[in-house]
């Protein structure tokens, strides 16, 4: 069965103690970020992670503990806003793909008040959420143009 491309798993933080190149670590701390737009799939992903940790504990003398430290339920953005962004992308003849973002962007909170969607602009080398993140002027201009086109498309739909 093909893997669902909306399944995202990231080890974003790793701390090894004593953090020396020639010493076997006595302690390792890591974070695992699981993302998917459906709660039931997220629950299944978390169960699979818990089972893997339990298997590790059973098969070794190493202790392990899994703690959920944060939970952000999936947010479904407004379909008319998503369609308007898609219209803007098509109008500009740009390449695009729809993605699942679960990073807690401001739009997550704005979506609780008004219809919302998001536009992501490509970052150099795919590096984002990092001090070294950068975009080109052309990509910034294209992103702003898509936003303008999306707003105008929404306005035209609502004027009908």
C-alpha atoms as a PDB file:
ATOM      1  CA  UNK A   1       0.000   0.000   0.000  1.00  0.00           C
ATOM      2  CA  UNK A   2       1.455   3.419  -0.924  1.00  0.00           C
ATOM      3  CA  UNK A   3       2.388   5.738   1.915  1.00  0.00           C
ATOM      4  CA  UNK A   4       0.043   8.659   2.544  1.00  0.00           C
ATOM      5  CA  UNK A   5       2.044  11.781   1.536  1.00  0.00           C
ATOM      6  CA  UNK A   6       0.202  13.752   4.231  1.00  0.00           C
ATOM      7  CA  UNK A   7       1.881  11.658   6.962  1.00  0.00           C
ATOM      8  CA  UNK A   8       4.694  13.748   8.421  1.00  0.00           C
ATOM      9  CA  UNK A   9       7.109  12.604  11.134  1.00  0.00           C
ATOM     10  CA  UNK A  10      10.039  14.715  12.269  1.00  0.00           C
ATOM     11  CA  UNK A  11      12.701  14.313  14.921  1.00  0.00           C
ATOM     12  CA  UNK A  12      13.317  17.990  15.484  1.00  0.00           C
ATOM     13  CA  UNK A  13      15.394  18.042  18.612  1.00  0.00           C
ATOM     14  CA  UNK A  14      18.078  15.665  19.808  1.00  0.00           C
ATOM     15  CA  UNK A  15      20.106  16.012  22.981  1.00  0.00           C
ATOM     16  CA  UNK A  16      22.754  13.426  23.805  1.00  0.00           C
ATOM     17  CA  UNK A  17      24.474  13.330  27.177  1.00  0.00           C
ATOM     18  CA  UNK A  18      27.346  13.574  27.792  1.00  0.00           C
ATOM     19  CA  UNK A  19      27.601  14.652  24.118  1.00  0.00           C
ATOM     20  CA  UNK A  20      31.161  13.540  23.526  1.00  0.00           C
ATOM     21  CA  UNK A  21      32.379  11.919  20.329  1.00  0.00           C
ATOM     22  CA  UNK A  22      33.993   8.961  22.101  1.00  0.00           C
ATOM     23  CA  UNK A  23      31.586   8.292  25.000  1.00  0.00           C
ATOM     24  CA  UNK A  24      28.536   6.062  24.835  1.00  0.00           C
ATOM     25  CA  UNK A  25      25.613   8.319  25.764  1.00  0.00           C
ATOM     26  CA  UNK A  26      24.003   7.706  29.121  1.00  0.00           C
ATOM     27  CA  UNK A  27      20.924   9.683  28.188  1.00  0.00           C
ATOM     28  CA  UNK A  28      19.227  10.786  24.972  1.00  0.00           C
ATOM     29  CA  UNK A  29      16.302  13.197  24.703  1.00  0.00           C
ATOM     30  CA  UNK A  30      14.465  13.725  21.435  1.00  0.00           C
ATOM     31  CA  UNK A  31      11.233  15.197  20.197  1.00  0.00           C
ATOM     32  CA  UNK A  32       9.022  13.570  17.592  1.00  0.00           C
ATOM     33  CA  UNK A  33       6.514  15.731  15.716  1.00  0.00           C
ATOM     34  CA  UNK A  34       3.642  13.794  14.117  1.00  0.00           C
ATOM     35  CA  UNK A  35       1.331  15.515  11.634  1.00  0.00           C
ATOM     36  CA  UNK A  36      -1.662  14.532   9.534  1.00  0.00           C
ATOM     37  CA  UNK A  37      -4.915  16.329   8.717  1.00  0.00           C
ATOM     38  CA  UNK A  38      -7.070  13.516  10.208  1.00  0.00           C
ATOM     39  CA  UNK A  39      -7.309  12.878  13.953  1.00  0.00           C
ATOM     40  CA  UNK A  40      -7.772   9.126  13.544  1.00  0.00           C
ATOM     41  CA  UNK A  41      -4.557   8.823  11.499  1.00  0.00           C
ATOM     42  CA  UNK A  42      -2.693  10.954  14.061  1.00  0.00           C
ATOM     43  CA  UNK A  43      -3.934   8.665  16.830  1.00  0.00           C
ATOM     44  CA  UNK A  44      -2.739   5.648  14.847  1.00  0.00           C
ATOM     45  CA  UNK A  45       0.675   7.264  14.303  1.00  0.00           C
ATOM     46  CA  UNK A  46       1.013   7.981  18.023  1.00  0.00           C
ATOM     47  CA  UNK A  47       0.027   4.396  18.885  1.00  0.00           C
ATOM     48  CA  UNK A  48       2.629   3.069  16.455  1.00  0.00           C
ATOM     49  CA  UNK A  49       5.287   5.247  18.095  1.00  0.00           C
ATOM     50  CA  UNK A  50       4.241   4.065  21.560  1.00  0.00           C
ATOM     51  CA  UNK A  51       4.421   0.435  20.381  1.00  0.00           C
ATOM     52  CA  UNK A  52       7.900   0.999  18.922  1.00  0.00           C
ATOM     53  CA  UNK A  53       9.107   2.456  22.223  1.00  0.00           C
ATOM     54  CA  UNK A  54       7.612  -0.493  24.127  1.00  0.00           C
ATOM     55  CA  UNK A  55       9.356  -2.920  21.723  1.00  0.00           C
ATOM     56  CA  UNK A  56      12.641  -1.104  22.389  1.00  0.00           C
ATOM     57  CA  UNK A  57      12.146  -1.420  26.137  1.00  0.00           C
ATOM     58  CA  UNK A  58      11.338  -5.160  25.870  1.00  0.00           C
ATOM     59  CA  UNK A  59      14.278  -5.947  23.602  1.00  0.00           C
ATOM     60  CA  UNK A  60      17.025  -4.167  25.535  1.00  0.00           C
ATOM     61  CA  UNK A  61      18.249  -3.222  28.959  1.00  0.00           C
ATOM     62  CA  UNK A  62      17.807   0.411  28.028  1.00  0.00           C
ATOM     63  CA  UNK A  63      15.047   2.346  29.711  1.00  0.00           C
ATOM     64  CA  UNK A  64      12.794   4.609  27.706  1.00  0.00           C
ATOM     65  CA  UNK A  65       9.847   6.871  28.374  1.00  0.00           C
ATOM     66  CA  UNK A  66       7.444   8.544  25.990  1.00  0.00           C
ATOM     67  CA  UNK A  67       5.638  11.703  27.092  1.00  0.00           C
ATOM     68  CA  UNK A  68       3.264  13.809  25.044  1.00  0.00           C
ATOM     69  CA  UNK A  69       4.372  17.366  25.721  1.00  0.00           C
ATOM     70  CA  UNK A  70       2.166  19.227  23.246  1.00  0.00           C
ATOM     71  CA  UNK A  71      -0.877  18.556  21.105  1.00  0.00           C
ATOM     72  CA  UNK A  72      -2.340  20.690  18.341  1.00  0.00           C
ATOM     73  CA  UNK A  73      -5.366  19.120  16.646  1.00  0.00           C
ATOM     74  CA  UNK A  74      -5.462  19.362  12.842  1.00  0.00           C
ATOM     75  CA  UNK A  75      -6.950  22.570  11.466  1.00  0.00           C
ATOM     76  CA  UNK A  76      -9.033  22.428   8.311  1.00  0.00           C
ATOM     77  CA  UNK A  77      -8.844  25.682   6.395  1.00  0.00           C
ATOM     78  CA  UNK A  78     -11.715  27.228   4.484  1.00  0.00           C
ATOM     79  CA  UNK A  79     -12.290  25.517   1.124  1.00  0.00           C
ATOM     80  CA  UNK A  80     -13.265  28.774  -0.616  1.00  0.00           C
ATOM     81  CA  UNK A  81     -10.004  30.393   0.544  1.00  0.00           C
ATOM     82  CA  UNK A  82      -8.019  27.363  -0.607  1.00  0.00           C
ATOM     83  CA  UNK A  83      -9.778  27.502  -3.991  1.00  0.00           C
ATOM     84  CA  UNK A  84      -9.017  31.240  -4.267  1.00  0.00           C
ATOM     85  CA  UNK A  85      -5.315  30.606  -3.617  1.00  0.00           C
ATOM     86  CA  UNK A  86      -5.387  27.829  -6.217  1.00  0.00           C
ATOM     87  CA  UNK A  87      -6.987  30.306  -8.668  1.00  0.00           C
ATOM     88  CA  UNK A  88      -4.205  32.819  -7.950  1.00  0.00           C
ATOM     89  CA  UNK A  89      -1.507  30.202  -8.502  1.00  0.00           C
ATOM     90  CA  UNK A  90      -3.087  29.089 -11.785  1.00  0.00           C
ATOM     91  CA  UNK A  91      -3.533  32.694 -12.973  1.00  0.00           C
ATOM     92  CA  UNK A  92       0.171  33.344 -12.420  1.00  0.00           C
ATOM     93  CA  UNK A  93       1.166  30.038 -14.056  1.00  0.00           C
ATOM     94  CA  UNK A  94       3.154  28.969 -11.007  1.00  0.00           C
ATOM     95  CA  UNK A  95       3.992  25.485  -9.808  1.00  0.00           C
ATOM     96  CA  UNK A  96       2.250  24.618  -6.556  1.00  0.00           C
ATOM     97  CA  UNK A  97       1.260  21.788  -4.290  1.00  0.00           C
ATOM     98  CA  UNK A  98      -1.094  21.639  -1.380  1.00  0.00           C
ATOM     99  CA  UNK A  99       0.589  20.778   1.883  1.00  0.00           C
ATOM    100  CA  UNK A 100      -0.396  20.039   5.439  1.00  0.00           C
ATOM    101  CA  UNK A 101       1.145  22.519   7.827  1.00  0.00           C
ATOM    102  CA  UNK A 102       0.815  21.934  11.510  1.00  0.00           C
ATOM    103  CA  UNK A 103       3.361  24.280  12.938  1.00  0.00           C
ATOM    104  CA  UNK A 104       0.897  26.520  14.753  1.00  0.00           C
ATOM    105  CA  UNK A 105       1.118  29.452  12.356  1.00  0.00           C
ATOM    106  CA  UNK A 106      -0.953  32.539  13.142  1.00  0.00           C
ATOM    107  CA  UNK A 107      -3.470  31.325  10.558  1.00  0.00           C
ATOM    108  CA  UNK A 108      -4.430  28.463  12.899  1.00  0.00           C
ATOM    109  CA  UNK A 109      -5.759  31.026  15.365  1.00  0.00           C
ATOM    110  CA  UNK A 110      -7.133  33.410  12.746  1.00  0.00           C
ATOM    111  CA  UNK A 111      -9.131  30.491  11.272  1.00  0.00           C
ATOM    112  CA  UNK A 112     -11.160  30.338  14.489  1.00  0.00           C
ATOM    113  CA  UNK A 113     -12.511  33.818  13.682  1.00  0.00           C
ATOM    114  CA  UNK A 114     -12.583  34.205   9.884  1.00  0.00           C
ATOM    115  CA  UNK A 115     -12.214  31.976   6.791  1.00  0.00           C
ATOM    116  CA  UNK A 116      -8.503  31.338   6.305  1.00  0.00           C
ATOM    117  CA  UNK A 117      -5.896  29.664   4.129  1.00  0.00           C
ATOM    118  CA  UNK A 118      -2.128  29.950   3.822  1.00  0.00           C
ATOM    119  CA  UNK A 119       0.364  30.634   1.045  1.00  0.00           C
ATOM    120  CA  UNK A 120       3.903  29.338   1.397  1.00  0.00           C
ATOM    121  CA  UNK A 121       6.744  30.767  -0.673  1.00  0.00           C
ATOM    122  CA  UNK A 122       9.675  28.474  -1.518  1.00  0.00           C
ATOM    123  CA  UNK A 123      12.778  28.958   0.623  1.00  0.00           C
ATOM    124  CA  UNK A 124      16.320  28.642  -0.706  1.00  0.00           C
ATOM    125  CA  UNK A 125      17.391  25.026  -0.377  1.00  0.00           C
ATOM    126  CA  UNK A 126      14.061  24.148   1.232  1.00  0.00           C
ATOM    127  CA  UNK A 127      15.300  25.547   4.561  1.00  0.00           C
ATOM    128  CA  UNK A 128      12.513  27.101   6.618  1.00  0.00           C
ATOM    129  CA  UNK A 129      11.843  27.953  10.267  1.00  0.00           C
ATOM    130  CA  UNK A 130      15.535  28.707  10.607  1.00  0.00           C
ATOM    131  CA  UNK A 131      17.671  31.846  10.929  1.00  0.00           C
ATOM    132  CA  UNK A 132      19.307  31.014   7.586  1.00  0.00           C
ATOM    133  CA  UNK A 133      15.948  30.919   5.790  1.00  0.00           C
ATOM    134  CA  UNK A 134      15.800  33.137   2.710  1.00  0.00           C
ATOM    135  CA  UNK A 135      13.653  33.700  -0.358  1.00  0.00           C
ATOM    136  CA  UNK A 136      14.315  35.463  -3.607  1.00  0.00           C
ATOM    137  CA  UNK A 137      12.709  38.783  -4.493  1.00  0.00           C
ATOM    138  CA  UNK A 138      11.006  37.033  -7.428  1.00  0.00           C
ATOM    139  CA  UNK A 139       9.459  34.379  -5.135  1.00  0.00           C
ATOM    140  CA  UNK A 140       8.339  37.059  -2.653  1.00  0.00           C
ATOM    141  CA  UNK A 141       6.736  39.035  -5.484  1.00  0.00           C
ATOM    142  CA  UNK A 142       5.021  35.899  -6.825  1.00  0.00           C
ATOM    143  CA  UNK A 143       3.670  35.079  -3.341  1.00  0.00           C
ATOM    144  CA  UNK A 144       2.252  38.564  -2.902  1.00  0.00           C
ATOM    145  CA  UNK A 145       0.721  38.424  -6.397  1.00  0.00           C
ATOM    146  CA  UNK A 146      -0.941  35.070  -5.575  1.00  0.00           C
ATOM    147  CA  UNK A 147      -2.323  36.632  -2.389  1.00  0.00           C
ATOM    148  CA  UNK A 148      -3.716  39.604  -4.329  1.00  0.00           C
ATOM    149  CA  UNK A 149      -5.223  37.291  -6.970  1.00  0.00           C
ATOM    150  CA  UNK A 150      -6.775  35.141  -4.220  1.00  0.00           C
ATOM    151  CA  UNK A 151      -8.330  38.159  -2.487  1.00  0.00           C
ATOM    152  CA  UNK A 152      -9.705  39.444  -5.786  1.00  0.00           C
ATOM    153  CA  UNK A 153     -11.090  35.969  -6.642  1.00  0.00           C
ATOM    154  CA  UNK A 154     -12.831  35.781  -3.261  1.00  0.00           C
ATOM    155  CA  UNK A 155     -14.220  39.284  -3.706  1.00  0.00           C
ATOM    156  CA  UNK A 156     -15.531  38.411  -7.182  1.00  0.00           C
ATOM    157  CA  UNK A 157     -17.221  35.237  -5.853  1.00  0.00           C
ATOM    158  CA  UNK A 158     -18.868  37.085  -2.997  1.00  0.00           C
ATOM    159  CA  UNK A 159     -20.058  39.892  -5.295  1.00  0.00           C
ATOM    160  CA  UNK A 160     -22.151  37.407  -7.309  1.00  0.00           C
END
